[in-house]
Amino acid sequence: MTGNQVVHSSADDLEGLGRVDPVATVRAAAAIAQWYGGCEGAVGQVERALAERGVGTPDVGGRHSTGEMVDALLETPGSPKPLRDDPPP
């Protein structure tokens, strides 16, 4: 038996500033997708994307915002494409 919990905290003082590092959440989601969702290579893809893009938030010595981090991960060549092009209802 196993349990999973995405890393989280309440950072109300940082809301809307683009200064929250999303990497822990993205890594946890990739691990869950790989281990339980059959998305082989999801963890490696995230790690390669982070390394290739060279992005980081200021708390880890980088200069990128939360949105820029997410954009860099989504724009990585070889990233899976969304299942749907249209937004959910």
C-alpha atoms as a PDB file:
ATOM      1  CA  MET A   1       0.000   0.000   0.000  1.00  0.00           C
ATOM      2  CA  THR A   2       1.235   3.465  -0.783  1.00  0.00           C
ATOM      3  CA  GLY A   3       0.038   7.012  -0.401  1.00  0.00           C
ATOM      4  CA  ASN A   4       0.878  10.131  -2.310  1.00  0.00           C
ATOM      5  CA  GLN A   5       0.663  13.750  -1.358  1.00  0.00           C
ATOM      6  CA  VAL A   6       1.750  16.587  -3.572  1.00  0.00           C
ATOM      7  CA  VAL A   7       4.047  19.049  -1.836  1.00  0.00           C
ATOM      8  CA  HIS A   8       2.074  22.060  -0.793  1.00  0.00           C
ATOM      9  CA  SER A   9       1.918  24.931   1.604  1.00  0.00           C
ATOM     10  CA  SER A  10       0.000  28.092   2.146  1.00  0.00           C
ATOM     11  CA  ALA A  11       1.979  30.992   0.727  1.00  0.00           C
ATOM     12  CA  ASP A  12      -0.728  33.606   0.792  1.00  0.00           C
ATOM     13  CA  ASP A  13       1.867  36.384   0.914  1.00  0.00           C
ATOM     14  CA  LEU A  14       3.225  35.245  -2.477  1.00  0.00           C
ATOM     15  CA  GLU A  15      -0.127  34.975  -4.258  1.00  0.00           C
ATOM     16  CA  GLY A  16      -0.076  36.653  -7.656  1.00  0.00           C
ATOM     17  CA  LEU A  17       3.614  37.571  -7.519  1.00  0.00           C
ATOM     18  CA  GLY A  18       4.904  34.747  -9.743  1.00  0.00           C
ATOM     19  CA  ARG A  19       7.501  33.782  -7.140  1.00  0.00           C
ATOM     20  CA  VAL A  20       6.334  30.289  -6.212  1.00  0.00           C
ATOM     21  CA  ASP A  21       8.545  27.417  -7.390  1.00  0.00           C
ATOM     22  CA  PRO A  22       6.294  24.789  -9.060  1.00  0.00           C
ATOM     23  CA  VAL A  23       8.999  22.140  -9.469  1.00  0.00           C
ATOM     24  CA  ALA A  24       8.114  19.956  -6.467  1.00  0.00           C
ATOM     25  CA  THR A  25       4.486  19.774  -7.546  1.00  0.00           C
ATOM     26  CA  VAL A  26       5.424  19.013 -11.161  1.00  0.00           C
ATOM     27  CA  ARG A  27       7.863  16.301 -10.072  1.00  0.00           C
ATOM     28  CA  ALA A  28       5.273  14.702  -7.789  1.00  0.00           C
ATOM     29  CA  ALA A  29       2.645  14.757 -10.535  1.00  0.00           C
ATOM     30  CA  ALA A  30       5.095  13.160 -12.984  1.00  0.00           C
ATOM     31  CA  ALA A  31       5.927  10.415 -10.496  1.00  0.00           C
ATOM     32  CA  ILE A  32       2.256   9.639  -9.907  1.00  0.00           C
ATOM     33  CA  ALA A  33       1.571   9.679 -13.661  1.00  0.00           C
ATOM     34  CA  GLN A  34       4.469   7.298 -14.306  1.00  0.00           C
ATOM     35  CA  TRP A  35       3.878   4.894 -11.425  1.00  0.00           C
ATOM     36  CA  TYR A  36       0.102   4.703 -11.538  1.00  0.00           C
ATOM     37  CA  GLY A  37      -0.980   6.167 -14.850  1.00  0.00           C
ATOM     38  CA  GLY A  38       1.247   4.224 -17.183  1.00  0.00           C
ATOM     39  CA  CYS A  39       3.023   7.351 -18.462  1.00  0.00           C
ATOM     40  CA  GLU A  40       6.397   5.687 -18.929  1.00  0.00           C
ATOM     41  CA  GLY A  41       9.277   8.163 -18.774  1.00  0.00           C
ATOM     42  CA  ALA A  42       7.296  11.040 -17.228  1.00  0.00           C
ATOM     43  CA  VAL A  43       9.809  11.602 -14.420  1.00  0.00           C
ATOM     44  CA  GLY A  44      12.765  11.585 -16.812  1.00  0.00           C
ATOM     45  CA  GLN A  45      10.989  13.966 -19.175  1.00  0.00           C
ATOM     46  CA  VAL A  46      10.480  16.502 -16.392  1.00  0.00           C
ATOM     47  CA  GLU A  47      14.105  16.229 -15.282  1.00  0.00           C
ATOM     48  CA  ARG A  48      15.373  16.590 -18.871  1.00  0.00           C
ATOM     49  CA  ALA A  49      13.110  19.584 -19.454  1.00  0.00           C
ATOM     50  CA  LEU A  50      14.401  21.334 -16.346  1.00  0.00           C
ATOM     51  CA  ALA A  51      18.023  20.631 -17.252  1.00  0.00           C
ATOM     52  CA  GLU A  52      17.685  21.568 -20.929  1.00  0.00           C
ATOM     53  CA  ARG A  53      15.770  24.767 -20.296  1.00  0.00           C
ATOM     54  CA  GLY A  54      18.010  25.917 -17.442  1.00  0.00           C
ATOM     55  CA  VAL A  55      15.111  27.541 -15.646  1.00  0.00           C
ATOM     56  CA  GLY A  56      14.735  28.246 -11.964  1.00  0.00           C
ATOM     57  CA  THR A  57      12.933  30.556  -9.598  1.00  0.00           C
ATOM     58  CA  PRO A  58      14.825  33.109  -7.480  1.00  0.00           C
ATOM     59  CA  ASP A  59      14.648  30.934  -4.342  1.00  0.00           C
ATOM     60  CA  VAL A  60      17.044  28.476  -6.030  1.00  0.00           C
ATOM     61  CA  GLY A  61      19.255  31.058  -7.697  1.00  0.00           C
ATOM     62  CA  GLY A  62      17.234  31.419 -10.889  1.00  0.00           C
ATOM     63  CA  ARG A  63      15.580  34.399 -12.482  1.00  0.00           C
ATOM     64  CA  HIS A  64      12.308  32.962 -13.765  1.00  0.00           C
ATOM     65  CA  SER A  65       8.743  33.446 -12.568  1.00  0.00           C
ATOM     66  CA  THR A  66       6.301  30.665 -11.781  1.00  0.00           C
ATOM     67  CA  GLY A  67       4.636  31.148 -15.174  1.00  0.00           C
ATOM     68  CA  GLU A  68       7.946  31.086 -17.018  1.00  0.00           C
ATOM     69  CA  MET A  69       8.846  27.802 -15.299  1.00  0.00           C
ATOM     70  CA  VAL A  70       5.562  26.208 -16.333  1.00  0.00           C
ATOM     71  CA  ASP A  71       5.849  27.594 -19.874  1.00  0.00           C
ATOM     72  CA  ALA A  72       9.370  26.163 -20.190  1.00  0.00           C
ATOM     73  CA  LEU A  73       8.143  22.722 -19.195  1.00  0.00           C
ATOM     74  CA  LEU A  74       5.177  22.862 -21.556  1.00  0.00           C
ATOM     75  CA  GLU A  75       7.284  24.059 -24.492  1.00  0.00           C
ATOM     76  CA  THR A  76       9.901  21.332 -24.208  1.00  0.00           C
ATOM     77  CA  PRO A  77      10.259  19.342 -27.439  1.00  0.00           C
ATOM     78  CA  GLY A  78       8.835  15.888 -27.014  1.00  0.00           C
ATOM     79  CA  SER A  79       6.329  16.927 -24.352  1.00  0.00           C
ATOM     80  CA  PRO A  80       3.054  15.095 -24.626  1.00  0.00           C
ATOM     81  CA  LYS A  81       0.360  17.040 -26.420  1.00  0.00           C
ATOM     82  CA  PRO A  82      -2.957  17.767 -24.685  1.00  0.00           C
ATOM     83  CA  LEU A  83      -5.668  15.191 -25.286  1.00  0.00           C
ATOM     84  CA  ARG A  84      -8.082  17.973 -26.225  1.00  0.00           C
ATOM     85  CA  ASP A  85      -7.516  21.292 -27.909  1.00  0.00           C
ATOM     86  CA  ASP A  86     -10.687  22.879 -26.597  1.00  0.00           C
ATOM     87  CA  PRO A  87     -11.077  23.911 -22.947  1.00  0.00           C
ATOM     88  CA  PRO A  88     -13.214  21.746 -20.701  1.00  0.00           C
ATOM     89  CA  PRO A  89     -16.850  22.851 -20.278  1.00  0.00           C
END
